[in-house]
Amino acid sequence: MDTNIDLVAPEKPRYEQAEFLASAAKFHQCPADLGWEVAFAGRSNAGKSSAINSLTKNKKLARTSKTPGRTQLLNFFSLSEQQRLVDLPGYGFAKVPVAMKKAWTEQLETYLQERASLKGLILLMDIRHPLQPFDEQLINWALSADMPCHILLTKADKLKRGPQQSTKLQVEKVLKPRGGKITVQTFSSLKHQGHEALIAKLDEWLTQDLA
């Protein structure tokens, strides 16, 4: 945390001004570890890129693909000189060699464990298939690292309002005994549902006082 000692908490970010900053295949290729950073993680088909594009109102910012798993790099987007969003590689790749999956997983784990500017993790899950094994793995990491984790139950438009809330309550019930800093909300990039709650959480993490 020493790299952040002289920084002053910035103003709330303007997500519409997000710009691509850099991509990294290896942890050592990441931008300077300064300031405030929030990472978006999730299975390959959870809709990470769509969520970032919807949040920033820029359909071309984060690449989306009809073939899940194409995002195999850590992609950094700047909101200001000190604030960033990060699109992490989708996990659960279906059509790549096991050795390649292992290599990507190692880079992801290194980033999550060693990135000092990381202030919170947005974990995306398809609302129809929450709490898959890889989701549980990331939640356990967040708990062990005392890292705040905000879960987006994506593609909420696929369910009616009642089932949406029922799934949210079920996920909260499963996670409550574990304690930690875990929050849950429903989200739909297509219908622009849940943006206010997501922005409130991001604003909290990206402007926190480092003192």
C-alpha atoms as a PDB file:
ATOM      1  CA  MET A   1       0.000   0.000   0.000  1.00  0.00           C
ATOM      2  CA  ASP A   2       2.988   2.343   0.261  1.00  0.00           C
ATOM      3  CA  THR A   3       2.678   3.246  -3.439  1.00  0.00           C
ATOM      4  CA  ASN A   4      -0.594   5.023  -2.630  1.00  0.00           C
ATOM      5  CA  ILE A   5       0.616   7.001   0.375  1.00  0.00           C
ATOM      6  CA  ASP A   6       0.785  10.405  -1.365  1.00  0.00           C
ATOM      7  CA  LEU A   7      -2.480  10.107  -3.280  1.00  0.00           C
ATOM      8  CA  VAL A   8      -5.568  12.116  -2.422  1.00  0.00           C
ATOM      9  CA  ALA A   9      -8.993  10.527  -2.849  1.00  0.00           C
ATOM     10  CA  PRO A  10     -10.389  11.710  -6.199  1.00  0.00           C
ATOM     11  CA  GLU A  11     -13.855  12.941  -7.130  1.00  0.00           C
ATOM     12  CA  LYS A  12     -16.573  10.529  -8.181  1.00  0.00           C
ATOM     13  CA  PRO A  13     -15.677   9.037 -11.556  1.00  0.00           C
ATOM     14  CA  ARG A  14     -17.532   9.875 -14.760  1.00  0.00           C
ATOM     15  CA  TYR A  15     -18.071   6.482 -16.325  1.00  0.00           C
ATOM     16  CA  GLU A  16     -19.088   7.897 -19.694  1.00  0.00           C
ATOM     17  CA  GLN A  17     -15.513   9.209 -20.039  1.00  0.00           C
ATOM     18  CA  ALA A  18     -13.951   5.753 -19.715  1.00  0.00           C
ATOM     19  CA  GLU A  19     -11.151   5.054 -22.185  1.00  0.00           C
ATOM     20  CA  PHE A  20      -9.156   1.943 -22.997  1.00  0.00           C
ATOM     21  CA  LEU A  21      -5.815   2.108 -21.198  1.00  0.00           C
ATOM     22  CA  ALA A  22      -3.942  -1.168 -21.681  1.00  0.00           C
ATOM     23  CA  SER A  23      -4.146  -4.950 -21.974  1.00  0.00           C
ATOM     24  CA  ALA A  24      -1.939  -7.367 -20.078  1.00  0.00           C
ATOM     25  CA  ALA A  25      -1.318 -11.038 -20.767  1.00  0.00           C
ATOM     26  CA  LYS A  26       1.021 -11.248 -17.761  1.00  0.00           C
ATOM     27  CA  PHE A  27       0.793  -9.608 -14.359  1.00  0.00           C
ATOM     28  CA  HIS A  28       4.045  -7.677 -14.870  1.00  0.00           C
ATOM     29  CA  GLN A  29       2.491  -6.009 -17.944  1.00  0.00           C
ATOM     30  CA  CYS A  30      -0.236  -4.298 -15.893  1.00  0.00           C
ATOM     31  CA  PRO A  31      -0.254  -0.478 -15.643  1.00  0.00           C
ATOM     32  CA  ALA A  32       1.403   1.179 -12.636  1.00  0.00           C
ATOM     33  CA  ASP A  33      -0.120  -0.075  -9.389  1.00  0.00           C
ATOM     34  CA  LEU A  34      -1.318   3.333  -8.176  1.00  0.00           C
ATOM     35  CA  GLY A  35      -4.672   4.774  -7.197  1.00  0.00           C
ATOM     36  CA  TRP A  36      -8.039   3.026  -7.159  1.00  0.00           C
ATOM     37  CA  GLU A  37      -9.106   0.051  -9.237  1.00  0.00           C
ATOM     38  CA  VAL A  38     -12.217  -2.162  -9.411  1.00  0.00           C
ATOM     39  CA  ALA A  39     -12.146  -5.478 -11.259  1.00  0.00           C
ATOM     40  CA  PHE A  40     -15.026  -7.203 -13.054  1.00  0.00           C
ATOM     41  CA  ALA A  41     -14.833 -10.993 -12.893  1.00  0.00           C
ATOM     42  CA  GLY A  42     -17.115 -13.832 -13.923  1.00  0.00           C
ATOM     43  CA  ARG A  43     -17.664 -16.866 -16.066  1.00  0.00           C
ATOM     44  CA  SER A  44     -17.100 -16.505 -19.787  1.00  0.00           C
ATOM     45  CA  ASN A  45     -20.828 -16.138 -20.480  1.00  0.00           C
ATOM     46  CA  ALA A  46     -21.749 -13.967 -17.496  1.00  0.00           C
ATOM     47  CA  GLY A  47     -21.797 -10.718 -19.501  1.00  0.00           C
ATOM     48  CA  LYS A  48     -18.793  -8.825 -18.104  1.00  0.00           C
ATOM     49  CA  SER A  49     -18.020  -6.845 -21.238  1.00  0.00           C
ATOM     50  CA  SER A  50     -21.697  -6.053 -21.804  1.00  0.00           C
ATOM     51  CA  ALA A  51     -21.987  -4.757 -18.234  1.00  0.00           C
ATOM     52  CA  ILE A  52     -18.966  -2.478 -18.649  1.00  0.00           C
ATOM     53  CA  ASN A  53     -20.244  -1.186 -21.986  1.00  0.00           C
ATOM     54  CA  SER A  54     -23.680  -0.557 -20.497  1.00  0.00           C
ATOM     55  CA  LEU A  55     -22.209   1.207 -17.459  1.00  0.00           C
ATOM     56  CA  THR A  56     -20.043   3.496 -19.596  1.00  0.00           C
ATOM     57  CA  LYS A  57     -22.663   3.975 -22.341  1.00  0.00           C
ATOM     58  CA  ASN A  58     -20.072   2.901 -24.886  1.00  0.00           C
ATOM     59  CA  LYS A  59     -20.975  -0.227 -26.826  1.00  0.00           C
ATOM     60  CA  LYS A  60     -17.458  -0.523 -28.247  1.00  0.00           C
ATOM     61  CA  LEU A  61     -15.385   0.004 -25.093  1.00  0.00           C
ATOM     62  CA  ALA A  62     -15.086  -3.598 -23.920  1.00  0.00           C
ATOM     63  CA  ARG A  63     -15.157  -6.172 -26.671  1.00  0.00           C
ATOM     64  CA  THR A  64     -18.030  -8.628 -26.660  1.00  0.00           C
ATOM     65  CA  SER A  65     -18.149 -11.878 -28.559  1.00  0.00           C
ATOM     66  CA  LYS A  66     -20.694 -14.508 -29.484  1.00  0.00           C
ATOM     67  CA  THR A  67     -18.035 -17.044 -28.491  1.00  0.00           C
ATOM     68  CA  PRO A  68     -17.564 -16.958 -24.678  1.00  0.00           C
ATOM     69  CA  GLY A  69     -13.976 -16.979 -23.472  1.00  0.00           C
ATOM     70  CA  ARG A  70     -12.452 -14.673 -26.068  1.00  0.00           C
ATOM     71  CA  THR A  71     -11.400 -12.177 -23.398  1.00  0.00           C
ATOM     72  CA  GLN A  72      -8.108 -13.778 -22.359  1.00  0.00           C
ATOM     73  CA  LEU A  73      -6.317 -10.621 -21.229  1.00  0.00           C
ATOM     74  CA  LEU A  74      -6.590  -8.253 -18.295  1.00  0.00           C
ATOM     75  CA  ASN A  75      -8.091  -5.167 -19.940  1.00  0.00           C
ATOM     76  CA  PHE A  76      -7.729  -1.823 -18.145  1.00  0.00           C
ATOM     77  CA  PHE A  77      -9.980   1.199 -18.710  1.00  0.00           C
ATOM     78  CA  SER A  78      -9.138   4.605 -17.245  1.00  0.00           C
ATOM     79  CA  LEU A  79     -11.765   6.823 -15.634  1.00  0.00           C
ATOM     80  CA  SER A  80      -9.203   9.392 -14.484  1.00  0.00           C
ATOM     81  CA  GLU A  81      -5.465   9.434 -13.819  1.00  0.00           C
ATOM     82  CA  GLN A  82      -6.034   7.509 -10.581  1.00  0.00           C
ATOM     83  CA  GLN A  83      -9.216   5.476 -11.227  1.00  0.00           C
ATOM     84  CA  ARG A  84      -9.640   2.373 -13.387  1.00  0.00           C
ATOM     85  CA  LEU A  85     -12.019  -0.444 -14.241  1.00  0.00           C
ATOM     86  CA  VAL A  86     -10.551  -3.834 -15.131  1.00  0.00           C
ATOM     87  CA  ASP A  87     -12.160  -6.522 -17.275  1.00  0.00           C
ATOM     88  CA  LEU A  88     -10.611  -9.785 -16.067  1.00  0.00           C
ATOM     89  CA  PRO A  89     -10.338 -12.910 -18.242  1.00  0.00           C
ATOM     90  CA  GLY A  90     -13.555 -14.914 -18.201  1.00  0.00           C
ATOM     91  CA  TYR A  91     -13.103 -18.185 -16.344  1.00  0.00           C
ATOM     92  CA  GLY A  92     -14.570 -21.531 -17.319  1.00  0.00           C
ATOM     93  CA  PHE A  93     -13.215 -21.508 -20.879  1.00  0.00           C
ATOM     94  CA  ALA A  94     -14.846 -24.350 -22.786  1.00  0.00           C
ATOM     95  CA  LYS A  95     -12.677 -24.736 -25.868  1.00  0.00           C
ATOM     96  CA  VAL A  96      -9.062 -24.157 -24.861  1.00  0.00           C
ATOM     97  CA  PRO A  97      -6.338 -26.592 -23.712  1.00  0.00           C
ATOM     98  CA  VAL A  98      -6.107 -27.388 -20.016  1.00  0.00           C
ATOM     99  CA  ALA A  99      -2.549 -26.008 -19.853  1.00  0.00           C
ATOM    100  CA  MET A 100      -3.753 -22.668 -21.227  1.00  0.00           C
ATOM    101  CA  LYS A 101      -6.600 -22.548 -18.719  1.00  0.00           C
ATOM    102  CA  LYS A 102      -4.100 -23.150 -15.937  1.00  0.00           C
ATOM    103  CA  ALA A 103      -1.804 -20.380 -17.159  1.00  0.00           C
ATOM    104  CA  TRP A 104      -4.659 -17.867 -17.338  1.00  0.00           C
ATOM    105  CA  THR A 105      -5.874 -18.914 -13.897  1.00  0.00           C
ATOM    106  CA  GLU A 106      -2.407 -18.351 -12.426  1.00  0.00           C
ATOM    107  CA  GLN A 107      -2.217 -14.833 -13.882  1.00  0.00           C
ATOM    108  CA  LEU A 108      -5.688 -14.041 -12.548  1.00  0.00           C
ATOM    109  CA  GLU A 109      -4.807 -15.285  -9.064  1.00  0.00           C
ATOM    110  CA  THR A 110      -1.588 -13.291  -9.039  1.00  0.00           C
ATOM    111  CA  TYR A 111      -3.469 -10.125  -9.973  1.00  0.00           C
ATOM    112  CA  LEU A 112      -6.115 -10.645  -7.288  1.00  0.00           C
ATOM    113  CA  GLN A 113      -3.551 -11.397  -4.589  1.00  0.00           C
ATOM    114  CA  GLU A 114      -0.887  -8.804  -5.348  1.00  0.00           C
ATOM    115  CA  ARG A 115      -2.595  -5.778  -6.925  1.00  0.00           C
ATOM    116  CA  ALA A 116      -2.415  -3.090  -4.232  1.00  0.00           C
ATOM    117  CA  SER A 117      -4.718  -0.630  -6.021  1.00  0.00           C
ATOM    118  CA  LEU A 118      -7.561  -3.179  -6.212  1.00  0.00           C
ATOM    119  CA  LYS A 119     -10.327  -1.875  -3.931  1.00  0.00           C
ATOM    120  CA  GLY A 120     -13.178  -4.202  -4.755  1.00  0.00           C
ATOM    121  CA  LEU A 121     -14.367  -7.062  -6.922  1.00  0.00           C
ATOM    122  CA  ILE A 122     -17.527  -7.057  -9.044  1.00  0.00           C
ATOM    123  CA  LEU A 123     -18.470 -10.707  -9.514  1.00  0.00           C
ATOM    124  CA  LEU A 124     -20.969 -11.365 -12.293  1.00  0.00           C
ATOM    125  CA  MET A 125     -23.177 -14.461 -12.391  1.00  0.00           C
ATOM    126  CA  ASP A 126     -25.985 -15.408 -14.752  1.00  0.00           C
ATOM    127  CA  ILE A 127     -29.062 -15.096 -12.535  1.00  0.00           C
ATOM    128  CA  ARG A 128     -30.303 -18.424 -13.898  1.00  0.00           C
ATOM    129  CA  HIS A 129     -27.103 -20.239 -12.830  1.00  0.00           C
ATOM    130  CA  PRO A 130     -25.616 -18.530  -9.744  1.00  0.00           C
ATOM    131  CA  LEU A 131     -22.892 -19.789  -7.419  1.00  0.00           C
ATOM    132  CA  GLN A 132     -21.098 -22.123  -9.792  1.00  0.00           C
ATOM    133  CA  PRO A 133     -17.834 -23.714  -8.552  1.00  0.00           C
ATOM    134  CA  PHE A 134     -15.577 -20.996 -10.021  1.00  0.00           C
ATOM    135  CA  ASP A 135     -17.833 -18.323  -8.503  1.00  0.00           C
ATOM    136  CA  GLU A 136     -17.426 -19.990  -5.121  1.00  0.00           C
ATOM    137  CA  GLN A 137     -13.655 -20.007  -5.603  1.00  0.00           C
ATOM    138  CA  LEU A 138     -13.540 -16.252  -6.150  1.00  0.00           C
ATOM    139  CA  ILE A 139     -15.900 -15.594  -3.249  1.00  0.00           C
ATOM    140  CA  ASN A 140     -13.688 -17.647  -0.941  1.00  0.00           C
ATOM    141  CA  TRP A 141     -10.648 -15.713  -2.126  1.00  0.00           C
ATOM    142  CA  ALA A 142     -12.391 -12.401  -1.454  1.00  0.00           C
ATOM    143  CA  LEU A 143     -13.348 -13.551   2.041  1.00  0.00           C
ATOM    144  CA  SER A 144      -9.830 -14.727   2.849  1.00  0.00           C
ATOM    145  CA  ALA A 145      -8.346 -11.465   1.581  1.00  0.00           C
ATOM    146  CA  ASP A 146     -11.006  -9.299   3.293  1.00  0.00           C
ATOM    147  CA  MET A 147     -11.726  -7.878  -0.173  1.00  0.00           C
ATOM    148  CA  PRO A 148     -15.173  -6.312  -0.707  1.00  0.00           C
ATOM    149  CA  CYS A 149     -17.185  -8.280  -3.275  1.00  0.00           C
ATOM    150  CA  HIS A 150     -20.352  -7.064  -5.004  1.00  0.00           C
ATOM    151  CA  ILE A 151     -22.291  -9.706  -6.913  1.00  0.00           C
ATOM    152  CA  LEU A 152     -24.235  -8.806 -10.047  1.00  0.00           C
ATOM    153  CA  LEU A 153     -26.908 -11.343 -10.931  1.00  0.00           C
ATOM    154  CA  THR A 154     -26.842 -10.589 -14.646  1.00  0.00           C
ATOM    155  CA  LYS A 155     -29.363 -11.189 -17.433  1.00  0.00           C
ATOM    156  CA  ALA A 156     -32.132 -10.454 -14.948  1.00  0.00           C
ATOM    157  CA  ASP A 157     -34.396  -9.591 -17.886  1.00  0.00           C
ATOM    158  CA  LYS A 158     -34.600 -13.342 -18.558  1.00  0.00           C
ATOM    159  CA  LEU A 159     -36.751 -13.721 -15.423  1.00  0.00           C
ATOM    160  CA  LYS A 160     -39.856 -11.990 -14.152  1.00  0.00           C
ATOM    161  CA  ARG A 161     -39.545  -9.670 -11.160  1.00  0.00           C
ATOM    162  CA  GLY A 162     -40.667 -12.276  -8.620  1.00  0.00           C
ATOM    163  CA  PRO A 163     -38.135 -14.959  -9.595  1.00  0.00           C
ATOM    164  CA  GLN A 164     -35.432 -12.266  -9.800  1.00  0.00           C
ATOM    165  CA  GLN A 165     -35.944 -11.273  -6.179  1.00  0.00           C
ATOM    166  CA  SER A 166     -36.318 -14.891  -5.080  1.00  0.00           C
ATOM    167  CA  THR A 167     -32.930 -15.789  -6.596  1.00  0.00           C
ATOM    168  CA  LYS A 168     -31.311 -12.733  -5.028  1.00  0.00           C
ATOM    169  CA  LEU A 169     -32.654 -13.690  -1.601  1.00  0.00           C
ATOM    170  CA  GLN A 170     -31.483 -17.286  -2.036  1.00  0.00           C
ATOM    171  CA  VAL A 171     -27.943 -16.173  -2.928  1.00  0.00           C
ATOM    172  CA  GLU A 172     -27.866 -13.793   0.041  1.00  0.00           C
ATOM    173  CA  LYS A 173     -29.090 -16.585   2.319  1.00  0.00           C
ATOM    174  CA  VAL A 174     -26.316 -18.937   1.163  1.00  0.00           C
ATOM    175  CA  LEU A 175     -23.617 -16.291   1.622  1.00  0.00           C
ATOM    176  CA  LYS A 176     -24.795 -14.720   4.884  1.00  0.00           C
ATOM    177  CA  PRO A 177     -23.246 -17.349   7.216  1.00  0.00           C
ATOM    178  CA  ARG A 178     -19.824 -16.658   5.698  1.00  0.00           C
ATOM    179  CA  GLY A 179     -19.806 -13.055   6.818  1.00  0.00           C
ATOM    180  CA  GLY A 180     -17.422 -10.769   4.973  1.00  0.00           C
ATOM    181  CA  LYS A 181     -18.068  -7.786   2.753  1.00  0.00           C
ATOM    182  CA  ILE A 182     -20.381  -9.373   0.176  1.00  0.00           C
ATOM    183  CA  THR A 183     -23.386  -7.613  -1.334  1.00  0.00           C
ATOM    184  CA  VAL A 184     -25.812  -8.787  -4.033  1.00  0.00           C
ATOM    185  CA  GLN A 185     -28.014  -7.109  -6.633  1.00  0.00           C
ATOM    186  CA  THR A 186     -29.881  -7.962  -9.840  1.00  0.00           C
ATOM    187  CA  PHE A 187     -28.647  -6.469 -13.106  1.00  0.00           C
ATOM    188  CA  SER A 188     -29.533  -6.350 -16.802  1.00  0.00           C
ATOM    189  CA  SER A 189     -27.316  -4.716 -19.408  1.00  0.00           C
ATOM    190  CA  LEU A 190     -30.061  -5.092 -22.018  1.00  0.00           C
ATOM    191  CA  LYS A 191     -32.752  -3.363 -19.957  1.00  0.00           C
ATOM    192  CA  HIS A 192     -30.347  -1.009 -18.115  1.00  0.00           C
ATOM    193  CA  GLN A 193     -31.568  -2.439 -14.806  1.00  0.00           C
ATOM    194  CA  GLY A 194     -29.519  -2.014 -11.638  1.00  0.00           C
ATOM    195  CA  HIS A 195     -27.189   0.732 -12.835  1.00  0.00           C
ATOM    196  CA  GLU A 196     -27.869   3.023  -9.884  1.00  0.00           C
ATOM    197  CA  ALA A 197     -26.909   0.382  -7.326  1.00  0.00           C
ATOM    198  CA  LEU A 198     -23.796  -0.599  -9.274  1.00  0.00           C
ATOM    199  CA  ILE A 199     -22.652   3.007  -9.671  1.00  0.00           C
ATOM    200  CA  ALA A 200     -23.177   3.666  -5.958  1.00  0.00           C
ATOM    201  CA  LYS A 201     -20.931   0.715  -5.092  1.00  0.00           C
ATOM    202  CA  LEU A 202     -18.256   1.701  -7.617  1.00  0.00           C
ATOM    203  CA  ASP A 203     -18.305   5.319  -6.401  1.00  0.00           C
ATOM    204  CA  GLU A 204     -17.772   4.085  -2.846  1.00  0.00           C
ATOM    205  CA  TRP A 205     -14.752   1.962  -3.770  1.00  0.00           C
ATOM    206  CA  LEU A 206     -13.157   4.342  -6.272  1.00  0.00           C
ATOM    207  CA  THR A 207     -13.193   7.357  -3.945  1.00  0.00           C
ATOM    208  CA  GLN A 208     -12.354   5.776  -0.594  1.00  0.00           C
ATOM    209  CA  ASP A 209      -9.826   7.526   1.603  1.00  0.00           C
ATOM    210  CA  LEU A 210      -6.511   5.689   1.658  1.00  0.00           C
ATOM    211  CA  ALA A 211      -5.418   7.233   4.946  1.00  0.00           C
END
